[in-house]
Each structure stands twice: as C-alpha cells, then as structure tokens.
C-alpha atoms as a PDB file:
ATOM      1  CA  MET A   1      -0.034   0.143   0.361  1.00  0.00           C
ATOM      2  CA  ILE A   2       1.394   3.613  -0.894  1.00  0.00           C
ATOM      3  CA  GLU A   3       2.079   5.619   1.749  1.00  0.00           C
ATOM      4  CA  PRO A   4      -0.152   8.961   1.603  1.00  0.00           C
ATOM      5  CA  VAL A   5       2.896  11.245   2.055  1.00  0.00           C
ATOM      6  CA  GLN A   6       1.816  14.051  -0.568  1.00  0.00           C
ATOM      7  CA  SER A   7      -1.814  13.610   0.427  1.00  0.00           C
ATOM      8  CA  LYS A   8      -0.899  14.363   4.110  1.00  0.00           C
ATOM      9  CA  GLN A   9       0.864  17.167   3.406  1.00  0.00           C
ATOM     10  CA  VAL A  10      -1.940  18.658   0.964  1.00  0.00           C
ATOM     11  CA  THR A  11      -4.054  17.982   4.389  1.00  0.00           C
ATOM     12  CA  ALA A  12      -1.547  18.855   7.084  1.00  0.00           C
ATOM     13  CA  SER A  13      -1.143  22.623   5.400  1.00  0.00           C
ATOM     14  CA  SER A  14      -5.431  23.180   5.050  1.00  0.00           C
ATOM     15  CA  ASN A  15      -7.500  24.624   7.711  1.00  0.00           C
ATOM     16  CA  SER A  16     -10.321  22.026   6.958  1.00  0.00           C
ATOM     17  CA  ASN A  17     -13.363  21.273   9.869  1.00  0.00           C
ATOM     18  CA  LEU A  18     -13.169  17.416   7.970  1.00  0.00           C
ATOM     19  CA  ALA A  19      -9.058  17.302   8.292  1.00  0.00           C
ATOM     20  CA  ALA A  20      -9.651  18.649  11.291  1.00  0.00           C
ATOM     21  CA  ALA A  21     -11.657  15.930  12.810  1.00  0.00           C
ATOM     22  CA  PHE A  22      -9.493  13.121  11.662  1.00  0.00           C
ATOM     23  CA  PHE A  23      -7.521  12.777  14.634  1.00  0.00           C
ATOM     24  CA  LEU A  24     -11.138  10.864  15.667  1.00  0.00           C
ATOM     25  CA  LEU A  25     -10.402   8.041  12.843  1.00  0.00           C
ATOM     26  CA  PRO A  26      -8.684   4.616  13.561  1.00  0.00           C
ATOM     27  CA  LYS A  27      -5.376   4.670  11.779  1.00  0.00           C
ATOM     28  CA  THR A  28      -5.780   2.981   8.687  1.00  0.00           C
ATOM     29  CA  LYS A  29      -9.273   4.764   8.000  1.00  0.00           C
ATOM     30  CA  ARG A  30      -7.365   8.176   8.428  1.00  0.00           C
ATOM     31  CA  LYS A  31      -5.299   7.737   6.109  1.00  0.00           C
ATOM     32  CA  ALA A  32      -7.730   6.605   3.509  1.00  0.00           C
ATOM     33  CA  MET A  33      -9.923   9.717   4.849  1.00  0.00           C
ATOM     34  CA  THR A  34      -6.298  11.819   3.950  1.00  0.00           C
ATOM     35  CA  ALA A  35      -5.964  10.331   0.972  1.00  0.00           C
ATOM     36  CA  LEU A  36      -9.530  10.900   0.006  1.00  0.00           C
ATOM     37  CA  TYR A  37      -9.063  14.376   1.743  1.00  0.00           C
ATOM     38  CA  ALA A  38      -6.342  15.657  -0.203  1.00  0.00           C
ATOM     39  CA  PHE A  39      -8.086  14.702  -3.788  1.00  0.00           C
ATOM     40  CA  CYS A  40     -11.045  16.768  -3.257  1.00  0.00           C
ATOM     41  CA  ARG A  41      -8.530  19.876  -1.958  1.00  0.00           C
ATOM     42  CA  LYS A  42      -6.305  19.641  -5.061  1.00  0.00           C
ATOM     43  CA  VAL A  43      -9.392  19.559  -7.586  1.00  0.00           C
ATOM     44  CA  ASP A  44     -10.800  22.361  -5.803  1.00  0.00           C
ATOM     45  CA  ASP A  45      -8.223  24.323  -5.794  1.00  0.00           C
ATOM     46  CA  VAL A  46      -7.931  23.685  -9.697  1.00  0.00           C
ATOM     47  CA  VAL A  47     -11.082  25.271  -9.582  1.00  0.00           C
ATOM     48  CA  ASP A  48      -9.960  28.344  -7.190  1.00  0.00           C
ATOM     49  CA  ASN A  49      -7.005  29.238  -9.043  1.00  0.00           C
ATOM     50  CA  GLU A  50      -7.831  33.013 -10.911  1.00  0.00           C
ATOM     51  CA  GLY A  51      -4.421  32.920 -12.167  1.00  0.00           C
ATOM     52  CA  LYS A  52      -5.595  30.323 -14.658  1.00  0.00           C
ATOM     53  CA  SER A  53      -8.134  31.047 -17.868  1.00  0.00           C
ATOM     54  CA  CYS A  54     -11.638  29.033 -17.147  1.00  0.00           C
ATOM     55  CA  VAL A  55     -10.048  26.728 -20.319  1.00  0.00           C
ATOM     56  CA  GLN A  56      -7.080  25.869 -18.590  1.00  0.00           C
ATOM     57  CA  ARG A  57      -8.929  25.079 -15.477  1.00  0.00           C
ATOM     58  CA  SER A  58     -11.114  23.016 -17.213  1.00  0.00           C
ATOM     59  CA  GLU A  59      -8.467  21.491 -18.662  1.00  0.00           C
ATOM     60  CA  GLU A  60      -6.308  20.379 -15.478  1.00  0.00           C
ATOM     61  CA  LEU A  61      -9.792  18.852 -14.089  1.00  0.00           C
ATOM     62  CA  GLU A  62     -10.320  16.984 -17.336  1.00  0.00           C
ATOM     63  CA  ALA A  63      -6.579  15.552 -16.230  1.00  0.00           C
ATOM     64  CA  TRP A  64      -7.786  14.890 -12.773  1.00  0.00           C
ATOM     65  CA  ARG A  65     -10.819  13.143 -13.961  1.00  0.00           C
ATOM     66  CA  ASN A  66      -8.705  10.978 -16.372  1.00  0.00           C
ATOM     67  CA  ASP A  67      -6.001  10.401 -13.773  1.00  0.00           C
ATOM     68  CA  ILE A  68      -8.666   8.972 -11.007  1.00  0.00           C
ATOM     69  CA  GLY A  69     -10.513   7.030 -14.251  1.00  0.00           C
ATOM     70  CA  LEU A  70      -7.196   5.209 -14.477  1.00  0.00           C
ATOM     71  CA  VAL A  71      -6.610   4.583 -10.713  1.00  0.00           C
ATOM     72  CA  CYS A  72     -10.435   3.367 -10.498  1.00  0.00           C
ATOM     73  CA  ASN A  73      -9.580   0.917 -13.158  1.00  0.00           C
ATOM     74  CA  GLY A  74      -6.422  -0.751 -11.507  1.00  0.00           C
ATOM     75  CA  SER A  75      -4.025   1.012 -13.155  1.00  0.00           C
ATOM     76  CA  GLN A  76      -1.217   3.905 -12.351  1.00  0.00           C
ATOM     77  CA  SER A  77      -1.374   7.293 -12.726  1.00  0.00           C
ATOM     78  CA  ALA A  78       1.460  10.292 -13.097  1.00  0.00           C
ATOM     79  CA  ASN A  79      -0.788  11.551 -10.640  1.00  0.00           C
ATOM     80  CA  GLN A  80       0.636  10.488  -7.232  1.00  0.00           C
ATOM     81  CA  ILE A  81      -2.409  12.247  -5.237  1.00  0.00           C
ATOM     82  CA  CYS A  82      -4.716   9.287  -6.988  1.00  0.00           C
ATOM     83  CA  ASN A  83      -2.050   6.670  -6.702  1.00  0.00           C
ATOM     84  CA  GLU A  84      -1.779   7.087  -2.939  1.00  0.00           C
ATOM     85  CA  LEU A  85      -5.983   6.301  -3.057  1.00  0.00           C
ATOM     86  CA  SER A  86      -5.789   3.409  -5.385  1.00  0.00           C
ATOM     87  CA  ALA A  87      -5.502   0.923  -2.572  1.00  0.00           C
ATOM     88  CA  TYR A  88      -8.591   2.255  -0.475  1.00  0.00           C
ATOM     89  CA  ILE A  89     -10.742   2.988  -3.648  1.00  0.00           C
ATOM     90  CA  GLU A  90     -10.208  -1.100  -4.347  1.00  0.00           C
ATOM     91  CA  GLN A  91     -10.707  -1.774   0.017  1.00  0.00           C
ATOM     92  CA  TYR A  92     -13.487   0.242   0.077  1.00  0.00           C
ATOM     93  CA  GLU A  93     -15.238  -0.032  -3.419  1.00  0.00           C
ATOM     94  CA  LEU A  94     -14.621   3.369  -4.124  1.00  0.00           C
ATOM     95  CA  SER A  95     -16.697   3.840  -7.808  1.00  0.00           C
ATOM     96  CA  PHE A  96     -15.429   5.796 -10.373  1.00  0.00           C
ATOM     97  CA  ASP A  97     -18.909   7.586 -10.962  1.00  0.00           C
ATOM     98  CA  LEU A  98     -19.235   8.837  -7.419  1.00  0.00           C
ATOM     99  CA  PHE A  99     -15.278  11.095  -8.628  1.00  0.00           C
ATOM    100  CA  ASP A 100     -16.473  11.848 -11.716  1.00  0.00           C
ATOM    101  CA  GLU A 101     -20.247  13.116 -10.111  1.00  0.00           C
ATOM    102  CA  LEU A 102     -17.411  15.510  -7.619  1.00  0.00           C
ATOM    103  CA  ILE A 103     -15.406  16.934 -10.708  1.00  0.00           C
ATOM    104  CA  ILE A 104     -18.494  17.853 -12.394  1.00  0.00           C
ATOM    105  CA  GLY A 105     -19.834  19.722  -9.673  1.00  0.00           C
ATOM    106  CA  MET A 106     -16.247  21.843  -9.656  1.00  0.00           C
ATOM    107  CA  GLU A 107     -16.506  22.328 -13.196  1.00  0.00           C
ATOM    108  CA  ALA A 108     -19.815  23.852 -12.438  1.00  0.00           C
ATOM    109  CA  ASP A 109     -17.936  26.471 -10.377  1.00  0.00           C
ATOM    110  CA  ILE A 110     -15.945  27.463 -13.398  1.00  0.00           C
ATOM    111  CA  LYS A 111     -18.762  27.544 -15.936  1.00  0.00           C
ATOM    112  CA  LYS A 112     -21.846  28.168 -13.637  1.00  0.00           C
ATOM    113  CA  VAL A 113     -21.657  30.818 -11.437  1.00  0.00           C
ATOM    114  CA  ARG A 114     -25.784  31.459 -10.973  1.00  0.00           C
ATOM    115  CA  TYR A 115     -28.745  29.037  -9.891  1.00  0.00           C
ATOM    116  CA  ALA A 116     -32.043  29.752 -11.029  1.00  0.00           C
ATOM    117  CA  ASP A 117     -33.563  27.937  -8.440  1.00  0.00           C
ATOM    118  CA  CYS A 118     -33.228  25.944  -5.038  1.00  0.00           C
ATOM    119  CA  GLN A 119     -33.825  22.695  -7.030  1.00  0.00           C
ATOM    120  CA  GLU A 120     -30.808  23.788  -8.675  1.00  0.00           C
ATOM    121  CA  LEU A 121     -28.649  24.647  -6.058  1.00  0.00           C
ATOM    122  CA  GLU A 122     -29.784  21.349  -4.523  1.00  0.00           C
ATOM    123  CA  LEU A 123     -27.951  19.377  -7.788  1.00  0.00           C
ATOM    124  CA  TYR A 124     -25.175  21.388  -6.967  1.00  0.00           C
ATOM    125  CA  CYS A 125     -24.727  20.149  -3.170  1.00  0.00           C
ATOM    126  CA  HIS A 126     -25.370  16.871  -4.114  1.00  0.00           C
ATOM    127  CA  ARG A 127     -22.139  16.868  -6.687  1.00  0.00           C
ATOM    128  CA  ALA A 128     -19.985  18.705  -4.458  1.00  0.00           C
ATOM    129  CA  ALA A 129     -20.731  17.881  -1.082  1.00  0.00           C
ATOM    130  CA  SER A 130     -23.308  15.037  -0.571  1.00  0.00           C
ATOM    131  CA  VAL A 131     -21.065  12.866  -2.911  1.00  0.00           C
ATOM    132  CA  VAL A 132     -17.850  13.341  -0.316  1.00  0.00           C
ATOM    133  CA  GLY A 133     -20.452  12.198   2.519  1.00  0.00           C
ATOM    134  CA  LEU A 134     -20.672   8.972  -0.043  1.00  0.00           C
ATOM    135  CA  LEU A 135     -17.415   8.358  -0.429  1.00  0.00           C
ATOM    136  CA  THR A 136     -16.486   8.562   3.444  1.00  0.00           C
ATOM    137  CA  VAL A 137     -19.299   6.805   5.054  1.00  0.00           C
ATOM    138  CA  ARG A 138     -17.914   3.924   2.348  1.00  0.00           C
ATOM    139  CA  ILE A 139     -14.437   4.343   4.090  1.00  0.00           C
ATOM    140  CA  LEU A 140     -16.065   4.117   7.596  1.00  0.00           C
ATOM    141  CA  GLY A 141     -17.395   0.713   6.651  1.00  0.00           C
ATOM    142  CA  PHE A 142     -20.758   1.286   4.906  1.00  0.00           C
ATOM    143  CA  LYS A 143     -22.107  -1.052   2.029  1.00  0.00           C
ATOM    144  CA  ASN A 144     -25.341  -1.617   0.596  1.00  0.00           C
ATOM    145  CA  GLY A 145     -26.724   1.585   0.700  1.00  0.00           C
ATOM    146  CA  ASP A 146     -27.034   1.575   4.463  1.00  0.00           C
ATOM    147  CA  ALA A 147     -25.764   5.018   5.254  1.00  0.00           C
ATOM    148  CA  ASP A 148     -26.656   6.920   1.735  1.00  0.00           C
ATOM    149  CA  SER A 149     -29.541   8.728   2.645  1.00  0.00           C
ATOM    150  CA  TYR A 150     -27.112  10.110   5.896  1.00  0.00           C
ATOM    151  CA  ALA A 151     -24.557  10.958   3.501  1.00  0.00           C
ATOM    152  CA  GLU A 152     -26.912  13.031   1.236  1.00  0.00           C
ATOM    153  CA  HIS A 153     -28.676  14.543   3.851  1.00  0.00           C
ATOM    154  CA  ILE A 154     -25.373  16.100   6.196  1.00  0.00           C
ATOM    155  CA  GLY A 155     -23.818  16.988   2.476  1.00  0.00           C
ATOM    156  CA  GLN A 156     -26.435  19.618   1.665  1.00  0.00           C
ATOM    157  CA  ALA A 157     -26.398  20.524   5.216  1.00  0.00           C
ATOM    158  CA  LEU A 158     -22.942  21.174   5.510  1.00  0.00           C
ATOM    159  CA  GLN A 159     -22.994  22.956   2.089  1.00  0.00           C
ATOM    160  CA  LEU A 160     -25.748  25.342   2.289  1.00  0.00           C
ATOM    161  CA  THR A 161     -24.225  26.544   5.666  1.00  0.00           C
ATOM    162  CA  ASN A 162     -20.529  26.903   3.762  1.00  0.00           C
ATOM    163  CA  ILE A 163     -22.807  28.961   1.052  1.00  0.00           C
ATOM    164  CA  LEU A 164     -24.364  31.043   3.304  1.00  0.00           C
ATOM    165  CA  ARG A 165     -20.749  32.040   5.372  1.00  0.00           C
ATOM    166  CA  ASP A 166     -18.918  32.469   2.609  1.00  0.00           C
ATOM    167  CA  VAL A 167     -21.353  34.859   0.698  1.00  0.00           C
ATOM    168  CA  SER A 168     -19.135  37.882   0.613  1.00  0.00           C
ATOM    169  CA  GLU A 169     -15.960  35.860  -0.234  1.00  0.00           C
ATOM    170  CA  ASP A 170     -17.792  34.149  -3.149  1.00  0.00           C
ATOM    171  CA  ALA A 171     -18.879  37.304  -4.396  1.00  0.00           C
ATOM    172  CA  THR A 172     -15.174  38.493  -4.818  1.00  0.00           C
ATOM    173  CA  ARG A 173     -14.863  35.557  -7.378  1.00  0.00           C
ATOM    174  CA  GLY A 174     -18.512  36.614  -9.133  1.00  0.00           C
ATOM    175  CA  ARG A 175     -20.256  33.846  -7.557  1.00  0.00           C
ATOM    176  CA  ILE A 176     -23.598  33.994  -6.554  1.00  0.00           C
ATOM    177  CA  TYR A 177     -25.130  30.424  -5.210  1.00  0.00           C
ATOM    178  CA  LEU A 178     -27.855  32.174  -2.943  1.00  0.00           C
ATOM    179  CA  PRO A 179     -30.540  31.304  -5.773  1.00  0.00           C
ATOM    180  CA  GLN A 180     -32.486  33.860  -7.702  1.00  0.00           C
ATOM    181  CA  SER A 181     -35.595  32.757  -7.185  1.00  0.00           C
ATOM    182  CA  LEU A 182     -34.968  33.379  -3.399  1.00  0.00           C
ATOM    183  CA  LEU A 183     -33.470  37.073  -4.047  1.00  0.00           C
ATOM    184  CA  ASN A 184     -36.026  37.939  -6.556  1.00  0.00           C
ATOM    185  CA  LYS A 185     -38.625  36.756  -3.926  1.00  0.00           C
ATOM    186  CA  TYR A 186     -37.189  39.572  -1.202  1.00  0.00           C
ATOM    187  CA  GLY A 187     -35.949  42.116  -3.659  1.00  0.00           C
ATOM    188  CA  VAL A 188     -32.518  41.276  -3.198  1.00  0.00           C
ATOM    189  CA  SER A 189     -30.572  42.478  -6.448  1.00  0.00           C
ATOM    190  CA  GLU A 190     -27.692  40.811  -7.672  1.00  0.00           C
ATOM    191  CA  GLN A 191     -25.313  43.886  -7.716  1.00  0.00           C
ATOM    192  CA  SER A 192     -25.766  44.197  -3.762  1.00  0.00           C
ATOM    193  CA  ILE A 193     -24.543  41.121  -3.272  1.00  0.00           C
ATOM    194  CA  LEU A 194     -21.272  42.046  -5.212  1.00  0.00           C
ATOM    195  CA  ASP A 195     -20.650  45.017  -3.552  1.00  0.00           C
ATOM    196  CA  GLY A 196     -21.431  43.256  -0.020  1.00  0.00           C
ATOM    197  CA  VAL A 197     -24.814  45.574   0.841  1.00  0.00           C
ATOM    198  CA  GLN A 198     -26.216  43.791   3.779  1.00  0.00           C
ATOM    199  CA  SER A 199     -29.934  44.314   4.242  1.00  0.00           C
ATOM    200  CA  SER A 200     -33.036  43.197   5.475  1.00  0.00           C
ATOM    201  CA  GLY A 201     -33.862  41.201   2.346  1.00  0.00           C
ATOM    202  CA  PHE A 202     -30.929  39.359   2.443  1.00  0.00           C
ATOM    203  CA  GLU A 203     -31.409  38.491   5.817  1.00  0.00           C
ATOM    204  CA  ASN A 204     -34.798  37.396   4.962  1.00  0.00           C
ATOM    205  CA  VAL A 205     -32.976  35.232   1.681  1.00  0.00           C
ATOM    206  CA  ALA A 206     -30.369  34.049   4.654  1.00  0.00           C
ATOM    207  CA  ARG A 207     -32.917  32.618   7.314  1.00  0.00           C
ATOM    208  CA  GLU A 208     -34.928  31.024   4.157  1.00  0.00           C
ATOM    209  CA  MET A 209     -31.224  29.368   3.271  1.00  0.00           C
ATOM    210  CA  ALA A 210     -30.924  28.822   6.919  1.00  0.00           C
ATOM    211  CA  ASP A 211     -34.071  26.947   7.098  1.00  0.00           C
ATOM    212  CA  ARG A 212     -33.418  24.743   4.313  1.00  0.00           C
ATOM    213  CA  ALA A 213     -29.672  23.582   6.024  1.00  0.00           C
ATOM    214  CA  TRP A 214     -31.560  23.080   9.357  1.00  0.00           C
ATOM    215  CA  ALA A 215     -34.250  21.022   7.465  1.00  0.00           C
ATOM    216  CA  HIS A 216     -31.506  19.356   6.329  1.00  0.00           C
ATOM    217  CA  TYR A 217     -30.025  18.592   9.608  1.00  0.00           C
ATOM    218  CA  LYS A 218     -32.709  17.424  10.923  1.00  0.00           C
ATOM    219  CA  LEU A 219     -33.082  14.846   8.099  1.00  0.00           C
ATOM    220  CA  THR A 220     -29.673  14.005   8.961  1.00  0.00           C
ATOM    221  CA  SER A 221     -30.077  12.643  12.534  1.00  0.00           C
ATOM    222  CA  GLU A 222     -33.235  11.112  11.516  1.00  0.00           C
ATOM    223  CA  ALA A 223     -31.087   9.195   8.796  1.00  0.00           C
ATOM    224  CA  LEU A 224     -28.314   8.065  11.453  1.00  0.00           C
ATOM    225  CA  PRO A 225     -28.367   4.492  11.097  1.00  0.00           C
ATOM    226  CA  GLN A 226     -29.220   2.621  14.403  1.00  0.00           C
ATOM    227  CA  ASN A 227     -26.572  -0.082  13.651  1.00  0.00           C
ATOM    228  CA  ASN A 228     -22.587   1.103  14.109  1.00  0.00           C
ATOM    229  CA  TYR A 229     -23.792   4.860  13.968  1.00  0.00           C
ATOM    230  CA  ARG A 230     -20.168   5.244  16.210  1.00  0.00           C
ATOM    231  CA  ASP A 231     -18.290   4.461  13.003  1.00  0.00           C
ATOM    232  CA  LEU A 232     -19.588   8.082  11.769  1.00  0.00           C
ATOM    233  CA  LEU A 233     -18.178   9.705  14.532  1.00  0.00           C
ATOM    234  CA  VAL A 234     -15.820  11.707  12.325  1.00  0.00           C
ATOM    235  CA  LEU A 235     -19.117  13.297  10.525  1.00  0.00           C
ATOM    236  CA  GLU A 236     -21.137  13.964  13.516  1.00  0.00           C
ATOM    237  CA  ALA A 237     -18.533  15.768  14.983  1.00  0.00           C
ATOM    238  CA  MET A 238     -18.383  17.874  11.369  1.00  0.00           C
ATOM    239  CA  ALA A 239     -21.973  18.074  11.650  1.00  0.00           C
ATOM    240  CA  SER A 240     -21.854  19.272  15.235  1.00  0.00           C
ATOM    241  CA  ILE A 241     -19.325  22.271  13.934  1.00  0.00           C
ATOM    242  CA  TYR A 242     -21.061  23.307  10.833  1.00  0.00           C
ATOM    243  CA  TRP A 243     -24.242  23.295  12.983  1.00  0.00           C
ATOM    244  CA  ARG A 244     -22.718  25.883  15.789  1.00  0.00           C
ATOM    245  CA  LEU A 245     -21.496  27.789  12.649  1.00  0.00           C
ATOM    246  CA  LEU A 246     -25.018  28.106  11.865  1.00  0.00           C
ATOM    247  CA  GLN A 247     -26.149  29.306  14.951  1.00  0.00           C
ATOM    248  CA  LYS A 248     -23.553  32.067  15.240  1.00  0.00           C
ATOM    249  CA  MET A 249     -25.031  33.483  12.219  1.00  0.00           C
ATOM    250  CA  GLN A 250     -28.258  33.454  13.175  1.00  0.00           C
ATOM    251  CA  LYS A 251     -27.124  35.613  16.076  1.00  0.00           C
ATOM    252  CA  ILE A 252     -25.786  38.265  13.921  1.00  0.00           C
ATOM    253  CA  ASN A 253     -28.569  37.910  11.920  1.00  0.00           C
ATOM    254  CA  PHE A 254     -26.937  36.947   9.500  1.00  0.00           C
ATOM    255  CA  ASN A 255     -24.573  39.646   8.873  1.00  0.00           C
ATOM    256  CA  VAL A 256     -22.156  37.536   6.875  1.00  0.00           C
ATOM    257  CA  MET A 257     -21.277  40.764   4.290  1.00  0.00           C
ATOM    258  CA  THR A 258     -19.890  43.270   7.107  1.00  0.00           C
ATOM    259  CA  GLU A 259     -19.451  41.418  10.192  1.00  0.00           C
ATOM    260  CA  GLN A 260     -15.813  39.916  10.963  1.00  0.00           C
ATOM    261  CA  GLN A 261     -15.347  36.635   9.639  1.00  0.00           C
ATOM    262  CA  SER A 262     -13.743  35.476  13.140  1.00  0.00           C
ATOM    263  CA  LYS A 263     -17.477  35.781  14.811  1.00  0.00           C
ATOM    264  CA  ILE A 264     -18.423  32.819  12.254  1.00  0.00           C
ATOM    265  CA  ARG A 265     -15.553  30.925  12.630  1.00  0.00           C
ATOM    266  CA  LEU A 266     -14.777  28.609  14.832  1.00  0.00           C
ATOM    267  CA  GLY A 267     -11.054  28.463  15.987  1.00  0.00           C
ATOM    268  CA  LYS A 268      -8.767  24.989  16.928  1.00  0.00           C
ATOM    269  CA  TRP A 269      -9.689  24.372  20.022  1.00  0.00           C
ATOM    270  CA  ALA A 270     -12.869  25.068  19.586  1.00  0.00           C
ATOM    271  CA  LYS A 271     -13.267  21.984  16.729  1.00  0.00           C
ATOM    272  CA  LEU A 272     -10.999  19.987  18.883  1.00  0.00           C
ATOM    273  CA  ALA A 273     -13.375  20.124  22.084  1.00  0.00           C
ATOM    274  CA  MET A 274     -16.232  19.747  20.159  1.00  0.00           C
ATOM    275  CA  GLY A 275     -14.678  16.085  18.938  1.00  0.00           C
ATOM    276  CA  ILE A 276     -13.548  15.096  21.909  1.00  0.00           C
ATOM    277  CA  GLN A 277     -17.475  15.613  23.127  1.00  0.00           C
ATOM    278  CA  ILE A 278     -18.710  13.610  20.283  1.00  0.00           C
ATOM    279  CA  ARG A 279     -16.678  10.917  20.795  1.00  0.00           C
ATOM    280  CA  PHE A 280     -17.918  10.820  24.716  1.00  0.00           C
ATOM    281  CA  PHE A 281     -21.373  10.941  23.816  1.00  0.00           C
ATOM    282  CA  ILE A 282     -21.226   8.627  20.871  1.00  0.00           C
ATOM    283  CA  SER A 283     -20.029   5.913  23.082  1.00  0.00           C
ATOM    284  CA  PHE A 284     -23.383   5.889  24.650  1.00  0.00           C
ATOM    285  CA  LYS A 285     -26.565   3.516  23.745  1.00  0.00           C
ATOM    286  CA  GLY A 286     -29.024   6.213  22.771  1.00  0.00           C
ATOM    287  CA  TYR A 287     -27.035   8.464  21.390  1.00  0.00           C
ATOM    288  CA  ARG A 288     -28.973  11.744  19.722  1.00  0.00           C
ATOM    289  CA  PRO A 289     -26.765  14.073  17.739  1.00  0.00           C
ATOM    290  CA  LEU A 290     -26.286  17.477  19.034  1.00  0.00           C
ATOM    291  CA  TYR A 291     -27.495  18.713  15.800  1.00  0.00           C
ATOM    292  CA  ALA A 292     -30.820  20.040  14.698  1.00  0.00           C
ATOM    293  CA  ARG A 293     -32.258  19.630  18.523  1.00  0.00           C
END
C-alpha cells in the first residue's frame, strides 16, 4: 500500500473542518480519509486558481478525471495523489462514478456562477458535498447503501451552511450561490450581493436558506443508521461543528457581508473540544446528535 505522503502534506496545510476531525479515526481509516481529502482539496484548488483561464482550469479538471479513472480501473497514474488513493479505492469499493460526479460539481464552479432556484442548487450541493459524504461513509465501513441517505443530507446541510458563511468571499469571485428565485422574492439584486451590501432583504434570503439547512440537519439525524453509528463519529463531529457555525450566523442576524469573519468561524481548540465531546457522547447507547435539536 502506498503511504499517502503527499496527501498528508496537502491535508496538513489546509484549515479544513473535516481534516481537523480526522484525529477521531482509527489509523487505517485516517490514512484513507487523508488521501480522499487531498484529492478533493486539489481539484477544488484547480477551480479557485484565478491565475489561469477557464479553459485551462477545465483542462486540468479533465486531467484529474482521467487520472482517477485510471486508478479506479486498477492502473497507475502520473498523479501521485490519485495513486495514493488506489489501495483505498479497491479496499472500500469507491466507484469512479462518484469521483466523476464530484469533478462535475467542480466544473460547475467554473462554468456556472448563478443558480435559478433551490432545485438547481440542490443538485450542485449533491455533487460538491453529498458525493464526498457518500465516499466517506464507504471508507467508514458502510455498504449496500446503509448510510447513503445520511450522507446525502449531511452533504446538503454542510454545503448550505458553507454557502451562507462564504457569501461575501464567493462574491469576490463573481459567484452567487443564493438562488435567483429567493433573491427576487425578497427584492435583493445581484449587484448588492457583489457589492457586499447587508440588507433586510438579504437577511430574509439568508434565513430561508438557513431553514433549508436546518431541515437537512434534522433529516441527517433521522437517517443516522441504528447499527454501527459510532463509525460515523467524524461526520457527526462535522455536523455539530457546522451546526454551531449556523447558530453563530443566526446570532448576528446573518450579517455575513460586513461582520468580521472571526465571529462566524470556530477556532482550532473549539473544534478539538467539540470532537472530543462528540466522541464521549457517541460512545453511549441511545446517542442523539447534538445538532438539529
């Protein structure tokens, strides 16, 4: 088995909430998740590299698609990150279709910067986040779709939370993930989002988006498998961390345009404490998720 050296470097240099929770995993699964995270991080970095043209970025994503395709078919690739994933792809039966869907989601960030309605956004969230959840639950030991509903809803919940938190940052890249139907409903113009204008209309849009996120957190808790749910510790920690972020945004009336980012983020020690707390609670029979209460 290839030691995920490069993957480990990529993961260590990130400030990801997901990566921060890997310490909760057994060693073998931690290595597998580190390799998966590095793949996801690198394809996302391709999209965000504004020093390259859209055509160049699309070509790079296609190269990643070809490389992961080779590895999924049992061949070696020139891409070390993909090679480091190879043993885990076989061990946990990670399908090319899921990696392909993820790359399609990344391609959308290059080609599509507006979403007409919540249905379009839901498909994007599936590809950009729920697919990662589907890959993750397989690494965590769930087969035959036993945790697929859980993975789908947790992906939707986390991505919607991300979208709300990062409205201002995404706007600097010309991206608006908030559905046009909601902006129109509350009289919020695209230009006001791009200009970083906080308004009562925007707060209404944000609250409706938050309601959708909260619904998915609730569905996530309801879809938690009754058997072996302790194996989902790392995802339960993630859901709790992002749930807390959503609560922090609610407390500042979703003022994500002008408020200091530190007020809507959790520090390293806060994440660590929450991970330890979840590990304690999930060890008991009758565990109930801390989120969506």
